[in-house]
Amino acid sequence: MSLSKVRKVRLILSAALLAASSMALAADLPTFKLEMQDGKLIPPRIEVPTGQRIKIEIHNIGKSAAEFESIELRKEKVLAPGAQSFVVIAPLRAGEYKFFDDFHLNMPQGVIVAK
């Protein structure tokens, strides 16, 4: 095998290992569920522990696209109707962090409360 092919194989293997380890780390995090339904946030308040990374699983159960967004947390995730995804949030200090559906700004915001 030529040197360039060996480098390509190493790069591909490294990328695969990194992706697998990232997914494993996300699977081990405290996980909270959020449903978005045409601007409605279910639940509108999520209580999480302080000082540790968390994962929020988001499911768009509505008939229109949704966008989870938090300016304070610098997170956003767009979901088509019926789609599921997640965001991982860095350890939080005690406090409240607002989030909303950026495609339905006329609806009430939600809040993540770190205790």
C-alpha atoms as a PDB file:
ATOM      1  CA  MET A   1       0.000   0.000   0.000  1.00  0.00           C
ATOM      2  CA  SER A   2       1.374   3.443  -0.859  1.00  0.00           C
ATOM      3  CA  LEU A   3       2.077   6.037   1.825  1.00  0.00           C
ATOM      4  CA  SER A   4      -0.849   8.232   0.687  1.00  0.00           C
ATOM      5  CA  LYS A   5      -3.263   5.273   0.949  1.00  0.00           C
ATOM      6  CA  VAL A   6      -1.978   4.483   4.452  1.00  0.00           C
ATOM      7  CA  ARG A   7      -2.581   8.108   5.465  1.00  0.00           C
ATOM      8  CA  LYS A   8      -6.104   8.012   4.036  1.00  0.00           C
ATOM      9  CA  VAL A   9      -6.900   4.785   5.906  1.00  0.00           C
ATOM     10  CA  ARG A  10      -5.538   6.261   9.160  1.00  0.00           C
ATOM     11  CA  LEU A  11      -7.576   9.429   8.657  1.00  0.00           C
ATOM     12  CA  ILE A  12     -10.761   7.447   7.999  1.00  0.00           C
ATOM     13  CA  LEU A  13     -10.174   5.222  11.036  1.00  0.00           C
ATOM     14  CA  SER A  14      -9.442   8.232  13.244  1.00  0.00           C
ATOM     15  CA  ALA A  15     -12.631   9.959  12.117  1.00  0.00           C
ATOM     16  CA  ALA A  16     -14.681   6.803  12.748  1.00  0.00           C
ATOM     17  CA  LEU A  17     -13.212   6.383  16.249  1.00  0.00           C
ATOM     18  CA  LEU A  18     -13.866  10.033  17.068  1.00  0.00           C
ATOM     19  CA  ALA A  19     -17.492   9.774  15.905  1.00  0.00           C
ATOM     20  CA  ALA A  20     -18.039   6.558  17.880  1.00  0.00           C
ATOM     21  CA  SER A  21     -16.543   8.007  21.049  1.00  0.00           C
ATOM     22  CA  SER A  22     -18.630  11.198  20.709  1.00  0.00           C
ATOM     23  CA  MET A  23     -21.816   9.144  20.386  1.00  0.00           C
ATOM     24  CA  ALA A  24     -20.842   7.002  23.385  1.00  0.00           C
ATOM     25  CA  LEU A  25     -20.181  10.100  25.492  1.00  0.00           C
ATOM     26  CA  ALA A  26     -23.547  11.622  24.516  1.00  0.00           C
ATOM     27  CA  ALA A  27     -25.299   8.344  25.400  1.00  0.00           C
ATOM     28  CA  ASP A  28     -23.880   8.421  28.954  1.00  0.00           C
ATOM     29  CA  LEU A  29     -25.054  11.958  29.758  1.00  0.00           C
ATOM     30  CA  PRO A  30     -28.070  12.819  31.928  1.00  0.00           C
ATOM     31  CA  THR A  31     -30.820  13.054  29.310  1.00  0.00           C
ATOM     32  CA  PHE A  32     -33.952  15.198  29.259  1.00  0.00           C
ATOM     33  CA  LYS A  33     -36.762  15.003  26.716  1.00  0.00           C
ATOM     34  CA  LEU A  34     -38.398  17.939  24.938  1.00  0.00           C
ATOM     35  CA  GLU A  35     -41.260  17.799  22.433  1.00  0.00           C
ATOM     36  CA  MET A  36     -42.005  20.672  20.088  1.00  0.00           C
ATOM     37  CA  GLN A  37     -45.460  20.920  18.539  1.00  0.00           C
ATOM     38  CA  ASP A  38     -46.076  23.868  16.223  1.00  0.00           C
ATOM     39  CA  GLY A  39     -44.626  26.343  18.740  1.00  0.00           C
ATOM     40  CA  LYS A  40     -45.727  24.551  21.902  1.00  0.00           C
ATOM     41  CA  LEU A  41     -42.848  23.342  24.124  1.00  0.00           C
ATOM     42  CA  ILE A  42     -43.528  20.186  26.136  1.00  0.00           C
ATOM     43  CA  PRO A  43     -42.470  20.560  28.917  1.00  0.00           C
ATOM     44  CA  PRO A  44     -41.922  24.317  28.964  1.00  0.00           C
ATOM     45  CA  ARG A  45     -39.626  23.985  32.019  1.00  0.00           C
ATOM     46  CA  ILE A  46     -36.738  21.518  32.261  1.00  0.00           C
ATOM     47  CA  GLU A  47     -34.857  21.165  35.557  1.00  0.00           C
ATOM     48  CA  VAL A  48     -31.253  19.960  35.224  1.00  0.00           C
ATOM     49  CA  PRO A  49     -28.305  19.468  37.578  1.00  0.00           C
ATOM     50  CA  THR A  50     -25.567  22.100  37.748  1.00  0.00           C
ATOM     51  CA  GLY A  51     -21.949  21.399  36.969  1.00  0.00           C
ATOM     52  CA  GLN A  52     -22.330  18.573  34.461  1.00  0.00           C
ATOM     53  CA  ARG A  53     -22.932  18.206  30.755  1.00  0.00           C
ATOM     54  CA  ILE A  54     -26.473  17.265  29.786  1.00  0.00           C
ATOM     55  CA  LYS A  55     -28.261  16.029  26.697  1.00  0.00           C
ATOM     56  CA  ILE A  56     -31.677  17.238  25.581  1.00  0.00           C
ATOM     57  CA  GLU A  57     -33.462  14.919  23.170  1.00  0.00           C
ATOM     58  CA  ILE A  58     -35.760  16.955  20.943  1.00  0.00           C
ATOM     59  CA  HIS A  59     -38.696  15.499  19.017  1.00  0.00           C
ATOM     60  CA  ASN A  60     -40.792  17.615  16.661  1.00  0.00           C
ATOM     61  CA  ILE A  61     -44.270  16.130  16.965  1.00  0.00           C
ATOM     62  CA  GLY A  62     -45.874  19.027  15.089  1.00  0.00           C
ATOM     63  CA  LYS A  63     -46.945  19.470  11.484  1.00  0.00           C
ATOM     64  CA  SER A  64     -44.487  22.297  10.761  1.00  0.00           C
ATOM     65  CA  ALA A  65     -40.720  22.681  11.073  1.00  0.00           C
ATOM     66  CA  ALA A  66     -39.344  23.680  14.463  1.00  0.00           C
ATOM     67  CA  GLU A  67     -36.108  25.257  15.639  1.00  0.00           C
ATOM     68  CA  PHE A  68     -34.862  24.780  19.188  1.00  0.00           C
ATOM     69  CA  GLU A  69     -32.862  27.902  19.975  1.00  0.00           C
ATOM     70  CA  SER A  70     -31.217  29.351  23.054  1.00  0.00           C
ATOM     71  CA  ILE A  71     -29.188  32.513  22.673  1.00  0.00           C
ATOM     72  CA  GLU A  72     -27.841  32.217  26.230  1.00  0.00           C
ATOM     73  CA  LEU A  73     -26.642  28.644  25.631  1.00  0.00           C
ATOM     74  CA  ARG A  74     -25.551  29.319  22.036  1.00  0.00           C
ATOM     75  CA  LYS A  75     -27.483  26.302  20.747  1.00  0.00           C
ATOM     76  CA  GLU A  76     -29.852  25.822  17.853  1.00  0.00           C
ATOM     77  CA  LYS A  77     -31.258  22.791  16.105  1.00  0.00           C
ATOM     78  CA  VAL A  78     -33.748  22.725  13.205  1.00  0.00           C
ATOM     79  CA  LEU A  79     -36.111  19.761  12.949  1.00  0.00           C
ATOM     80  CA  ALA A  80     -38.508  18.819  10.174  1.00  0.00           C
ATOM     81  CA  PRO A  81     -41.968  17.563  11.182  1.00  0.00           C
ATOM     82  CA  GLY A  82     -41.583  14.156  12.844  1.00  0.00           C
ATOM     83  CA  ALA A  83     -37.796  14.497  13.184  1.00  0.00           C
ATOM     84  CA  GLN A  84     -35.763  13.765  16.318  1.00  0.00           C
ATOM     85  CA  SER A  85     -32.335  15.020  17.332  1.00  0.00           C
ATOM     86  CA  PHE A  86     -30.435  16.185  20.398  1.00  0.00           C
ATOM     87  CA  VAL A  87     -28.219  18.943  21.754  1.00  0.00           C
ATOM     88  CA  VAL A  88     -25.456  18.541  24.314  1.00  0.00           C
ATOM     89  CA  ILE A  89     -25.085  21.419  26.736  1.00  0.00           C
ATOM     90  CA  ALA A  90     -21.907  22.242  28.639  1.00  0.00           C
ATOM     91  CA  PRO A  91     -22.009  22.258  32.464  1.00  0.00           C
ATOM     92  CA  LEU A  92     -24.295  25.036  33.687  1.00  0.00           C
ATOM     93  CA  ARG A  93     -24.112  27.284  36.703  1.00  0.00           C
ATOM     94  CA  ALA A  94     -27.238  27.607  38.850  1.00  0.00           C
ATOM     95  CA  GLY A  95     -29.788  29.764  37.073  1.00  0.00           C
ATOM     96  CA  GLU A  96     -32.367  29.947  34.326  1.00  0.00           C
ATOM     97  CA  TYR A  97     -31.647  29.698  30.619  1.00  0.00           C
ATOM     98  CA  LYS A  98     -34.374  30.564  28.113  1.00  0.00           C
ATOM     99  CA  PHE A  99     -35.066  28.612  24.922  1.00  0.00           C
ATOM    100  CA  PHE A 100     -37.716  28.982  22.219  1.00  0.00           C
ATOM    101  CA  ASP A 101     -38.953  27.772  18.852  1.00  0.00           C
ATOM    102  CA  ASP A 102     -37.440  30.277  16.444  1.00  0.00           C
ATOM    103  CA  PHE A 103     -40.048  29.371  13.800  1.00  0.00           C
ATOM    104  CA  HIS A 104     -42.931  30.213  16.179  1.00  0.00           C
ATOM    105  CA  LEU A 105     -41.856  33.396  17.953  1.00  0.00           C
ATOM    106  CA  ASN A 106     -45.450  34.247  18.879  1.00  0.00           C
ATOM    107  CA  MET A 107     -45.557  31.273  21.298  1.00  0.00           C
ATOM    108  CA  PRO A 108     -44.306  31.271  24.928  1.00  0.00           C
ATOM    109  CA  GLN A 109     -40.649  30.545  25.622  1.00  0.00           C
ATOM    110  CA  GLY A 110     -39.325  27.656  27.656  1.00  0.00           C
ATOM    111  CA  VAL A 111     -36.718  27.643  30.386  1.00  0.00           C
ATOM    112  CA  ILE A 112     -33.960  25.298  31.508  1.00  0.00           C
ATOM    113  CA  VAL A 113     -33.453  25.628  35.258  1.00  0.00           C
ATOM    114  CA  ALA A 114     -30.086  24.490  36.577  1.00  0.00           C
ATOM    115  CA  LYS A 115     -30.117  23.636  40.293  1.00  0.00           C
END
